[in-house]
Amino acid sequence: MKIPGPDHPIAITPSPERVRVTFNGTVVADTKRALVLQEAAYKPVFYIPREDAQTALFERTANSTHCPYKGDASYYTIKVGDRAAENAIWSYETPFPAMKEIEGHLAFYPNRVDKIEVTPG
């Protein structure tokens, strides 16, 4: 486990915006409570509370990855109608203590959903 610091900063802040994720014409997540995780030089990532997502449309896959800063990530496929987006969602279900804020949240790959729309909250 690595701790974020000056050599690899990670900031988690509440988003002031509304975040809506659409796949196959269906809103699969819609929240005014997203967190923005900014890690080092990577693009910011929205983490959406599970309660604000249509989890009945998600199916856990066998895929997993490990981040030395955040922990082990689980992955989910989105299935809406006749379309599926494999491993389109990831979640740190038991993140390392320094990243506890993202527990219970989901992140979406922008290139695996139709749209991640961000509008004023």
N, C-alpha and C. Protein backbone atom coordinates (compact mmCIF):
# COMPACT_ATOMS: atom_id res chain seq x y z
N MET A 1 0.85 -1.18 0.00
CA MET A 1 0.00 0.00 0.00
C MET A 1 0.89 1.23 0.00
N LYS A 2 0.58 2.15 -0.91
CA LYS A 2 1.30 3.41 -0.97
C LYS A 2 0.38 4.54 -0.52
N ILE A 3 0.95 5.53 0.10
CA ILE A 3 0.20 6.70 0.56
C ILE A 3 0.41 7.83 -0.44
N PRO A 4 -0.68 8.48 -0.90
CA PRO A 4 -0.52 9.62 -1.80
C PRO A 4 0.33 10.70 -1.14
N GLY A 5 1.13 11.37 -1.94
CA GLY A 5 1.98 12.43 -1.42
C GLY A 5 2.44 13.32 -2.55
N PRO A 6 3.46 14.14 -2.31
CA PRO A 6 3.93 15.08 -3.33
C PRO A 6 4.37 14.41 -4.63
N ASP A 7 4.90 13.19 -4.55
CA ASP A 7 5.35 12.50 -5.76
C ASP A 7 4.19 11.86 -6.53
N HIS A 8 3.05 11.63 -5.85
CA HIS A 8 1.87 11.05 -6.49
C HIS A 8 0.63 11.54 -5.73
N PRO A 9 0.24 12.79 -5.99
CA PRO A 9 -0.91 13.36 -5.25
C PRO A 9 -2.24 12.78 -5.73
N ILE A 10 -3.14 12.61 -4.78
CA ILE A 10 -4.52 12.22 -5.08
C ILE A 10 -5.43 13.10 -4.23
N ALA A 11 -6.33 13.81 -4.90
CA ALA A 11 -7.30 14.66 -4.20
C ALA A 11 -8.70 14.17 -4.51
N ILE A 12 -9.55 14.13 -3.49
CA ILE A 12 -10.95 13.75 -3.65
C ILE A 12 -11.79 14.92 -3.14
N THR A 13 -12.63 15.46 -4.03
CA THR A 13 -13.46 16.60 -3.66
C THR A 13 -14.89 16.38 -4.14
N PRO A 14 -15.87 16.93 -3.44
CA PRO A 14 -17.25 16.84 -3.92
C PRO A 14 -17.40 17.65 -5.21
N SER A 15 -18.13 17.10 -6.16
CA SER A 15 -18.39 17.83 -7.40
C SER A 15 -19.56 18.78 -7.17
N PRO A 16 -19.43 20.04 -7.61
CA PRO A 16 -20.56 20.96 -7.49
C PRO A 16 -21.58 20.75 -8.61
N GLU A 17 -21.27 19.83 -9.53
CA GLU A 17 -22.10 19.63 -10.72
C GLU A 17 -22.95 18.36 -10.63
N ARG A 18 -23.94 18.33 -11.48
CA ARG A 18 -24.76 17.13 -11.63
C ARG A 18 -24.07 16.25 -12.68
N VAL A 19 -23.98 14.96 -12.40
CA VAL A 19 -23.35 14.02 -13.32
C VAL A 19 -24.37 12.96 -13.71
N ARG A 20 -24.54 12.78 -15.02
CA ARG A 20 -25.51 11.81 -15.54
C ARG A 20 -24.79 10.93 -16.56
N VAL A 21 -24.95 9.61 -16.39
CA VAL A 21 -24.33 8.63 -17.29
C VAL A 21 -25.43 7.92 -18.07
N THR A 22 -25.29 7.90 -19.41
CA THR A 22 -26.28 7.29 -20.28
C THR A 22 -25.65 6.15 -21.07
N PHE A 23 -26.40 5.05 -21.18
CA PHE A 23 -25.97 3.92 -22.00
C PHE A 23 -27.19 3.34 -22.71
N ASN A 24 -27.09 3.20 -24.02
CA ASN A 24 -28.16 2.65 -24.86
C ASN A 24 -29.49 3.38 -24.62
N GLY A 25 -29.42 4.70 -24.50
CA GLY A 25 -30.61 5.52 -24.36
C GLY A 25 -31.21 5.54 -22.96
N THR A 26 -30.56 4.90 -22.00
CA THR A 26 -31.06 4.83 -20.63
C THR A 26 -30.09 5.52 -19.68
N VAL A 27 -30.64 6.33 -18.78
CA VAL A 27 -29.79 6.94 -17.75
C VAL A 27 -29.48 5.85 -16.72
N VAL A 28 -28.21 5.49 -16.61
CA VAL A 28 -27.80 4.42 -15.69
C VAL A 28 -27.26 4.97 -14.37
N ALA A 29 -26.98 6.27 -14.35
CA ALA A 29 -26.56 6.93 -13.11
C ALA A 29 -26.87 8.41 -13.23
N ASP A 30 -27.32 9.00 -12.12
CA ASP A 30 -27.67 10.41 -12.11
C ASP A 30 -27.50 10.91 -10.67
N THR A 31 -26.59 11.86 -10.48
CA THR A 31 -26.30 12.30 -9.11
C THR A 31 -25.90 13.76 -9.05
N LYS A 32 -26.16 14.33 -7.89
CA LYS A 32 -25.63 15.65 -7.53
C LYS A 32 -24.63 15.46 -6.39
N ARG A 33 -24.24 14.19 -6.13
CA ARG A 33 -23.36 13.87 -5.02
C ARG A 33 -22.07 13.18 -5.47
N ALA A 34 -21.67 13.41 -6.70
CA ALA A 34 -20.45 12.76 -7.21
C ALA A 34 -19.21 13.31 -6.50
N LEU A 35 -18.21 12.48 -6.44
CA LEU A 35 -16.88 12.90 -5.98
C LEU A 35 -15.98 12.97 -7.20
N VAL A 36 -15.05 13.90 -7.18
CA VAL A 36 -14.06 14.01 -8.25
C VAL A 36 -12.72 13.56 -7.67
N LEU A 37 -12.14 12.53 -8.28
CA LEU A 37 -10.83 12.05 -7.85
C LEU A 37 -9.81 12.51 -8.88
N GLN A 38 -8.87 13.32 -8.44
CA GLN A 38 -7.80 13.81 -9.31
C GLN A 38 -6.51 13.14 -8.84
N GLU A 39 -5.99 12.25 -9.68
CA GLU A 39 -4.78 11.50 -9.33
C GLU A 39 -3.63 11.90 -10.23
N ALA A 40 -2.59 12.43 -9.60
CA ALA A 40 -1.37 12.82 -10.32
C ALA A 40 -1.74 13.56 -11.61
N ALA A 41 -1.19 13.13 -12.75
CA ALA A 41 -1.43 13.82 -14.01
C ALA A 41 -2.57 13.19 -14.83
N TYR A 42 -3.29 12.22 -14.25
CA TYR A 42 -4.40 11.58 -14.96
C TYR A 42 -5.59 12.52 -15.05
N LYS A 43 -6.51 12.21 -15.99
CA LYS A 43 -7.75 12.98 -16.10
C LYS A 43 -8.58 12.75 -14.84
N PRO A 44 -9.33 13.76 -14.41
CA PRO A 44 -10.20 13.58 -13.24
C PRO A 44 -11.26 12.51 -13.52
N VAL A 45 -11.64 11.79 -12.47
CA VAL A 45 -12.64 10.73 -12.58
C VAL A 45 -13.79 11.03 -11.61
N PHE A 46 -15.03 10.91 -12.11
CA PHE A 46 -16.20 11.06 -11.25
C PHE A 46 -16.49 9.71 -10.59
N TYR A 47 -16.70 9.75 -9.29
CA TYR A 47 -17.14 8.57 -8.54
C TYR A 47 -18.56 8.86 -8.05
N ILE A 48 -19.49 7.99 -8.45
CA ILE A 48 -20.92 8.20 -8.21
C ILE A 48 -21.40 7.24 -7.13
N PRO A 49 -22.15 7.75 -6.15
CA PRO A 49 -22.68 6.85 -5.12
C PRO A 49 -23.54 5.75 -5.74
N ARG A 50 -23.38 4.53 -5.23
CA ARG A 50 -24.17 3.40 -5.74
C ARG A 50 -25.68 3.68 -5.69
N GLU A 51 -26.10 4.41 -4.65
CA GLU A 51 -27.53 4.69 -4.49
C GLU A 51 -28.08 5.53 -5.64
N ASP A 52 -27.21 6.21 -6.37
CA ASP A 52 -27.63 7.07 -7.47
C ASP A 52 -27.43 6.42 -8.84
N ALA A 53 -27.26 5.09 -8.83
CA ALA A 53 -27.05 4.34 -10.07
C ALA A 53 -28.08 3.22 -10.17
N GLN A 54 -28.36 2.82 -11.39
CA GLN A 54 -29.31 1.73 -11.66
C GLN A 54 -28.58 0.39 -11.58
N THR A 55 -28.21 -0.02 -10.38
CA THR A 55 -27.36 -1.20 -10.20
C THR A 55 -28.00 -2.50 -10.71
N ALA A 56 -29.32 -2.53 -10.86
CA ALA A 56 -29.96 -3.73 -11.42
C ALA A 56 -29.53 -3.98 -12.86
N LEU A 57 -28.98 -2.94 -13.52
CA LEU A 57 -28.51 -3.07 -14.90
C LEU A 57 -27.04 -3.49 -14.98
N PHE A 58 -26.40 -3.65 -13.84
CA PHE A 58 -24.96 -3.96 -13.80
C PHE A 58 -24.75 -5.40 -13.36
N GLU A 59 -23.76 -6.03 -13.96
CA GLU A 59 -23.43 -7.40 -13.60
C GLU A 59 -21.92 -7.48 -13.31
N ARG A 60 -21.60 -7.96 -12.14
CA ARG A 60 -20.19 -8.05 -11.76
C ARG A 60 -19.48 -9.05 -12.66
N THR A 61 -18.25 -8.72 -13.03
CA THR A 61 -17.44 -9.61 -13.86
C THR A 61 -16.30 -10.19 -13.02
N ALA A 62 -15.54 -11.07 -13.63
CA ALA A 62 -14.41 -11.68 -12.94
C ALA A 62 -13.18 -10.77 -12.99
N ASN A 63 -13.25 -9.69 -13.75
CA ASN A 63 -12.11 -8.79 -13.90
C ASN A 63 -11.80 -8.06 -12.59
N SER A 64 -10.53 -7.88 -12.31
CA SER A 64 -10.12 -7.06 -11.16
C SER A 64 -8.73 -6.50 -11.45
N THR A 65 -8.44 -5.38 -10.83
CA THR A 65 -7.12 -4.76 -10.95
C THR A 65 -6.70 -4.28 -9.57
N HIS A 66 -5.42 -3.98 -9.45
CA HIS A 66 -4.90 -3.50 -8.17
C HIS A 66 -4.19 -2.16 -8.39
N CYS A 67 -4.51 -1.20 -7.54
CA CYS A 67 -3.82 0.09 -7.52
C CYS A 67 -3.10 0.16 -6.18
N PRO A 68 -1.81 0.46 -6.19
CA PRO A 68 -1.09 0.52 -4.93
C PRO A 68 -1.55 1.66 -4.02
N TYR A 69 -2.29 2.62 -4.56
CA TYR A 69 -2.78 3.75 -3.77
C TYR A 69 -4.23 3.57 -3.31
N LYS A 70 -5.05 2.92 -4.16
CA LYS A 70 -6.47 2.82 -3.86
C LYS A 70 -6.90 1.42 -3.39
N GLY A 71 -6.25 0.38 -3.85
CA GLY A 71 -6.60 -0.98 -3.47
C GLY A 71 -7.04 -1.80 -4.67
N ASP A 72 -7.91 -2.78 -4.42
CA ASP A 72 -8.37 -3.69 -5.47
C ASP A 72 -9.70 -3.19 -6.03
N ALA A 73 -9.78 -3.14 -7.36
CA ALA A 73 -10.99 -2.69 -8.03
C ALA A 73 -11.76 -3.88 -8.59
N SER A 74 -13.08 -3.83 -8.42
CA SER A 74 -13.99 -4.80 -9.03
C SER A 74 -14.61 -4.13 -10.26
N TYR A 75 -15.06 -4.96 -11.20
CA TYR A 75 -15.60 -4.43 -12.45
C TYR A 75 -17.00 -4.95 -12.72
N TYR A 76 -17.75 -4.14 -13.47
CA TYR A 76 -19.14 -4.47 -13.80
C TYR A 76 -19.41 -4.20 -15.27
N THR A 77 -20.26 -5.03 -15.85
CA THR A 77 -20.75 -4.85 -17.21
C THR A 77 -22.14 -4.21 -17.11
N ILE A 78 -22.42 -3.27 -18.01
CA ILE A 78 -23.75 -2.66 -18.09
C ILE A 78 -24.52 -3.39 -19.19
N LYS A 79 -25.76 -3.79 -18.88
CA LYS A 79 -26.63 -4.42 -19.88
C LYS A 79 -27.94 -3.66 -19.93
N VAL A 80 -28.20 -3.06 -21.10
CA VAL A 80 -29.45 -2.34 -21.33
C VAL A 80 -29.98 -2.77 -22.69
N GLY A 81 -31.16 -3.39 -22.70
CA GLY A 81 -31.74 -3.85 -23.96
C GLY A 81 -30.82 -4.86 -24.62
N ASP A 82 -30.52 -4.63 -25.90
CA ASP A 82 -29.70 -5.58 -26.65
C ASP A 82 -28.21 -5.22 -26.64
N ARG A 83 -27.82 -4.25 -25.83
CA ARG A 83 -26.41 -3.84 -25.78
C ARG A 83 -25.80 -4.10 -24.42
N ALA A 84 -24.50 -4.39 -24.45
CA ALA A 84 -23.75 -4.56 -23.21
C ALA A 84 -22.41 -3.85 -23.35
N ALA A 85 -21.94 -3.30 -22.25
CA ALA A 85 -20.62 -2.65 -22.21
C ALA A 85 -19.80 -3.40 -21.16
N GLU A 86 -18.91 -4.24 -21.64
CA GLU A 86 -18.11 -5.10 -20.76
C GLU A 86 -17.15 -4.26 -19.91
N ASN A 87 -17.11 -4.58 -18.63
CA ASN A 87 -16.18 -3.93 -17.70
C ASN A 87 -16.19 -2.41 -17.82
N ALA A 88 -17.38 -1.84 -17.98
CA ALA A 88 -17.52 -0.40 -18.17
C ALA A 88 -17.46 0.38 -16.87
N ILE A 89 -17.60 -0.33 -15.75
CA ILE A 89 -17.66 0.31 -14.43
C ILE A 89 -16.62 -0.34 -13.53
N TRP A 90 -15.98 0.50 -12.70
CA TRP A 90 -15.12 -0.07 -11.67
C TRP A 90 -15.46 0.54 -10.32
N SER A 91 -15.11 -0.21 -9.28
CA SER A 91 -15.42 0.22 -7.93
C SER A 91 -14.39 -0.34 -6.96
N TYR A 92 -13.93 0.51 -6.05
CA TYR A 92 -13.05 0.06 -4.97
C TYR A 92 -13.95 -0.21 -3.77
N GLU A 93 -14.35 -1.45 -3.61
CA GLU A 93 -15.33 -1.80 -2.58
C GLU A 93 -14.75 -1.75 -1.17
N THR A 94 -13.47 -2.03 -1.05
CA THR A 94 -12.79 -1.88 0.24
C THR A 94 -11.47 -1.17 -0.01
N PRO A 95 -11.54 0.13 -0.29
CA PRO A 95 -10.32 0.89 -0.62
C PRO A 95 -9.40 1.01 0.59
N PHE A 96 -8.15 1.32 0.30
CA PHE A 96 -7.19 1.57 1.37
C PHE A 96 -7.68 2.76 2.21
N PRO A 97 -7.27 2.84 3.48
CA PRO A 97 -7.76 3.89 4.38
C PRO A 97 -7.65 5.32 3.83
N ALA A 98 -6.58 5.64 3.12
CA ALA A 98 -6.41 7.00 2.59
C ALA A 98 -7.46 7.35 1.52
N MET A 99 -8.11 6.34 0.95
CA MET A 99 -9.09 6.53 -0.13
C MET A 99 -10.49 6.14 0.32
N LYS A 100 -10.73 6.07 1.61
CA LYS A 100 -12.00 5.61 2.18
C LYS A 100 -13.22 6.34 1.59
N GLU A 101 -13.04 7.59 1.18
CA GLU A 101 -14.16 8.39 0.65
C GLU A 101 -14.82 7.77 -0.58
N ILE A 102 -14.07 6.99 -1.39
CA ILE A 102 -14.66 6.44 -2.61
C ILE A 102 -15.35 5.09 -2.38
N GLU A 103 -15.33 4.61 -1.15
CA GLU A 103 -16.05 3.38 -0.84
C GLU A 103 -17.54 3.60 -1.11
N GLY A 104 -18.18 2.59 -1.73
CA GLY A 104 -19.61 2.72 -2.04
C GLY A 104 -19.88 3.55 -3.28
N HIS A 105 -18.85 3.83 -4.07
CA HIS A 105 -18.99 4.64 -5.28
C HIS A 105 -18.59 3.84 -6.52
N LEU A 106 -19.08 4.27 -7.67
CA LEU A 106 -18.80 3.64 -8.95
C LEU A 106 -18.19 4.67 -9.90
N ALA A 107 -17.28 4.20 -10.74
CA ALA A 107 -16.70 5.05 -11.77
C ALA A 107 -16.95 4.40 -13.14
N PHE A 108 -17.17 5.23 -14.15
CA PHE A 108 -17.52 4.75 -15.49
C PHE A 108 -16.44 5.14 -16.49
N TYR A 109 -16.07 4.19 -17.36
CA TYR A 109 -15.16 4.51 -18.47
C TYR A 109 -15.93 5.32 -19.50
N PRO A 110 -15.50 6.56 -19.79
CA PRO A 110 -16.23 7.40 -20.76
C PRO A 110 -16.36 6.76 -22.14
N ASN A 111 -15.38 5.97 -22.56
CA ASN A 111 -15.42 5.38 -23.90
C ASN A 111 -16.26 4.10 -23.96
N ARG A 112 -16.85 3.68 -22.84
CA ARG A 112 -17.67 2.47 -22.84
C ARG A 112 -19.15 2.76 -22.58
N VAL A 113 -19.47 4.03 -22.35
CA VAL A 113 -20.87 4.44 -22.21
C VAL A 113 -21.17 5.45 -23.33
N ASP A 114 -22.43 5.75 -23.51
CA ASP A 114 -22.79 6.70 -24.57
C ASP A 114 -22.37 8.12 -24.22
N LYS A 115 -22.58 8.47 -22.92
CA LYS A 115 -22.32 9.86 -22.55
C LYS A 115 -22.19 9.97 -21.04
N ILE A 116 -21.24 10.81 -20.60
CA ILE A 116 -21.18 11.26 -19.22
C ILE A 116 -21.41 12.76 -19.31
N GLU A 117 -22.60 13.17 -18.88
CA GLU A 117 -23.02 14.57 -19.01
C GLU A 117 -22.83 15.28 -17.67
N VAL A 118 -22.16 16.41 -17.73
CA VAL A 118 -21.92 17.20 -16.53
C VAL A 118 -22.59 18.57 -16.72
N THR A 119 -23.51 18.89 -15.79
CA THR A 119 -24.24 20.14 -15.89
C THR A 119 -24.19 20.85 -14.52
N PRO A 120 -24.46 22.13 -14.49
CA PRO A 120 -24.47 22.83 -13.20
C PRO A 120 -25.43 22.15 -12.24
N GLY A 121 -24.99 22.03 -10.96
CA GLY A 121 -25.76 21.33 -9.94
C GLY A 121 -27.03 22.03 -9.61
